[in-house]
């Protein structure tokens, strides 16, 4: 900024931004989402043996992506931001 007659600069001193006080929100949300998804597939898993082989294969194909999503939610709940860092590292490796 402009100084008035050799006086001190008129800029405000720089301060470090404070961390967000809601750092627990993504952890709780991801853990709750994982529990909700597990509750949605629990009836499928408990009645898995009561169906024919073809229906069991269809159910398995439907349950596996949900279980992967539950794993990702729990991973994100344990260490928020770790999935984003892993994705950035993977993109950097592909671009080399």
C-alpha atoms as a PDB file:
ATOM      1  CA  UNK A   1       0.000   0.000   0.000  1.00  0.00           C
ATOM      2  CA  UNK A   2       0.897   3.593  -0.243  1.00  0.00           C
ATOM      3  CA  UNK A   3       2.847   5.105   2.666  1.00  0.00           C
ATOM      4  CA  UNK A   4       1.985   8.534   3.902  1.00  0.00           C
ATOM      5  CA  UNK A   5       5.117  10.659   4.378  1.00  0.00           C
ATOM      6  CA  UNK A   6       7.504   7.894   5.388  1.00  0.00           C
ATOM      7  CA  UNK A   7       5.114   6.527   7.963  1.00  0.00           C
ATOM      8  CA  UNK A   8       4.417   2.880   8.578  1.00  0.00           C
ATOM      9  CA  UNK A   9       2.690   0.838   5.900  1.00  0.00           C
ATOM     10  CA  UNK A  10      -1.066   0.787   6.094  1.00  0.00           C
ATOM     11  CA  UNK A  11      -1.397  -2.956   5.638  1.00  0.00           C
ATOM     12  CA  UNK A  12      -2.801  -5.148   8.349  1.00  0.00           C
ATOM     13  CA  UNK A  13      -0.437  -7.689   9.881  1.00  0.00           C
ATOM     14  CA  UNK A  14      -0.792 -11.134   8.381  1.00  0.00           C
ATOM     15  CA  UNK A  15      -2.238 -13.755  10.669  1.00  0.00           C
ATOM     16  CA  UNK A  16      -2.556 -17.466  10.164  1.00  0.00           C
ATOM     17  CA  UNK A  17      -6.138 -18.574   9.556  1.00  0.00           C
ATOM     18  CA  UNK A  18      -7.614 -20.549  12.413  1.00  0.00           C
ATOM     19  CA  UNK A  19      -8.572 -24.156  11.686  1.00  0.00           C
ATOM     20  CA  UNK A  20     -12.238 -24.807  11.115  1.00  0.00           C
ATOM     21  CA  UNK A  21     -13.979 -25.790  14.320  1.00  0.00           C
ATOM     22  CA  UNK A  22     -16.140 -28.385  12.538  1.00  0.00           C
ATOM     23  CA  UNK A  23     -13.394 -30.902  11.771  1.00  0.00           C
ATOM     24  CA  UNK A  24     -15.503 -33.668  13.308  1.00  0.00           C
ATOM     25  CA  UNK A  25     -18.340 -33.232  10.765  1.00  0.00           C
ATOM     26  CA  UNK A  26     -16.830 -35.234   7.842  1.00  0.00           C
ATOM     27  CA  UNK A  27     -15.800 -37.997  10.213  1.00  0.00           C
ATOM     28  CA  UNK A  28     -19.265 -38.357  11.709  1.00  0.00           C
ATOM     29  CA  UNK A  29     -21.005 -38.027   8.345  1.00  0.00           C
ATOM     30  CA  UNK A  30     -18.829 -40.674   6.668  1.00  0.00           C
ATOM     31  CA  UNK A  31     -19.196 -43.072   9.593  1.00  0.00           C
ATOM     32  CA  UNK A  32     -22.984 -42.567   9.605  1.00  0.00           C
ATOM     33  CA  UNK A  33     -23.136 -43.104   5.841  1.00  0.00           C
ATOM     34  CA  UNK A  34     -21.170 -46.341   6.186  1.00  0.00           C
ATOM     35  CA  UNK A  35     -23.542 -47.577   8.907  1.00  0.00           C
ATOM     36  CA  UNK A  36     -26.564 -46.629   6.804  1.00  0.00           C
ATOM     37  CA  UNK A  37     -25.228 -48.521   3.777  1.00  0.00           C
ATOM     38  CA  UNK A  38     -24.471 -51.555   5.926  1.00  0.00           C
ATOM     39  CA  UNK A  39     -28.018 -51.427   7.312  1.00  0.00           C
ATOM     40  CA  UNK A  40     -29.357 -51.330   3.749  1.00  0.00           C
ATOM     41  CA  UNK A  41     -27.486 -54.453   2.662  1.00  0.00           C
ATOM     42  CA  UNK A  42     -27.903 -56.386   5.929  1.00  0.00           C
ATOM     43  CA  UNK A  43     -31.226 -57.971   4.847  1.00  0.00           C
ATOM     44  CA  UNK A  44     -29.620 -59.093   1.596  1.00  0.00           C
ATOM     45  CA  UNK A  45     -26.703 -60.727   3.378  1.00  0.00           C
ATOM     46  CA  UNK A  46     -28.838 -62.421   6.043  1.00  0.00           C
ATOM     47  CA  UNK A  47     -31.102 -64.082   3.433  1.00  0.00           C
ATOM     48  CA  UNK A  48     -28.263 -64.927   1.060  1.00  0.00           C
ATOM     49  CA  UNK A  49     -28.570 -68.723   1.437  1.00  0.00           C
ATOM     50  CA  UNK A  50     -32.337 -68.846   0.881  1.00  0.00           C
ATOM     51  CA  UNK A  51     -32.160 -68.076  -2.847  1.00  0.00           C
ATOM     52  CA  UNK A  52     -31.098 -69.996  -5.942  1.00  0.00           C
ATOM     53  CA  UNK A  53     -27.540 -69.798  -7.251  1.00  0.00           C
ATOM     54  CA  UNK A  54     -28.346 -67.326 -10.017  1.00  0.00           C
ATOM     55  CA  UNK A  55     -30.072 -64.939  -7.628  1.00  0.00           C
ATOM     56  CA  UNK A  56     -27.133 -65.247  -5.201  1.00  0.00           C
ATOM     57  CA  UNK A  57     -24.758 -64.235  -8.009  1.00  0.00           C
ATOM     58  CA  UNK A  58     -26.932 -61.197  -8.806  1.00  0.00           C
ATOM     59  CA  UNK A  59     -27.052 -60.255  -5.133  1.00  0.00           C
ATOM     60  CA  UNK A  60     -23.295 -60.628  -4.822  1.00  0.00           C
ATOM     61  CA  UNK A  61     -22.771 -58.362  -7.838  1.00  0.00           C
ATOM     62  CA  UNK A  62     -25.074 -55.784  -6.229  1.00  0.00           C
ATOM     63  CA  UNK A  63     -23.477 -55.999  -2.755  1.00  0.00           C
ATOM     64  CA  UNK A  64     -19.778 -55.790  -3.708  1.00  0.00           C
ATOM     65  CA  UNK A  65     -19.850 -52.128  -4.897  1.00  0.00           C
ATOM     66  CA  UNK A  66     -21.770 -51.148  -1.764  1.00  0.00           C
ATOM     67  CA  UNK A  67     -19.172 -52.870   0.411  1.00  0.00           C
ATOM     68  CA  UNK A  68     -16.406 -51.032  -1.439  1.00  0.00           C
ATOM     69  CA  UNK A  69     -18.226 -47.760  -0.825  1.00  0.00           C
ATOM     70  CA  UNK A  70     -18.562 -48.656   2.876  1.00  0.00           C
ATOM     71  CA  UNK A  71     -14.810 -49.273   2.993  1.00  0.00           C
ATOM     72  CA  UNK A  72     -14.109 -45.900   1.390  1.00  0.00           C
ATOM     73  CA  UNK A  73     -16.473 -44.151   3.821  1.00  0.00           C
ATOM     74  CA  UNK A  74     -14.799 -45.772   6.807  1.00  0.00           C
ATOM     75  CA  UNK A  75     -11.364 -44.915   5.434  1.00  0.00           C
ATOM     76  CA  UNK A  76     -12.411 -41.315   5.014  1.00  0.00           C
ATOM     77  CA  UNK A  77     -13.927 -41.281   8.507  1.00  0.00           C
ATOM     78  CA  UNK A  78     -10.672 -42.495  10.034  1.00  0.00           C
ATOM     79  CA  UNK A  79      -8.402 -40.087   8.125  1.00  0.00           C
ATOM     80  CA  UNK A  80     -10.250 -37.234   6.351  1.00  0.00           C
ATOM     81  CA  UNK A  81      -8.435 -36.083   3.240  1.00  0.00           C
ATOM     82  CA  UNK A  82      -6.449 -39.275   2.769  1.00  0.00           C
ATOM     83  CA  UNK A  83      -8.543 -40.373  -0.215  1.00  0.00           C
ATOM     84  CA  UNK A  84      -8.023 -37.025  -1.953  1.00  0.00           C
ATOM     85  CA  UNK A  85      -4.266 -37.206  -1.408  1.00  0.00           C
ATOM     86  CA  UNK A  86      -4.207 -40.762  -2.760  1.00  0.00           C
ATOM     87  CA  UNK A  87      -6.158 -39.683  -5.850  1.00  0.00           C
ATOM     88  CA  UNK A  88      -3.749 -36.782  -6.486  1.00  0.00           C
ATOM     89  CA  UNK A  89      -0.752 -39.135  -6.194  1.00  0.00           C
ATOM     90  CA  UNK A  90      -2.366 -41.588  -8.619  1.00  0.00           C
ATOM     91  CA  UNK A  91      -3.048 -38.797 -11.150  1.00  0.00           C
ATOM     92  CA  UNK A  92       0.524 -37.574 -10.840  1.00  0.00           C
ATOM     93  CA  UNK A  93       1.845 -41.093 -11.523  1.00  0.00           C
ATOM     94  CA  UNK A  94      -0.379 -41.463 -14.607  1.00  0.00           C
ATOM     95  CA  UNK A  95       0.779 -38.165 -16.070  1.00  0.00           C
ATOM     96  CA  UNK A  96       4.483 -39.042 -15.853  1.00  0.00           C
END
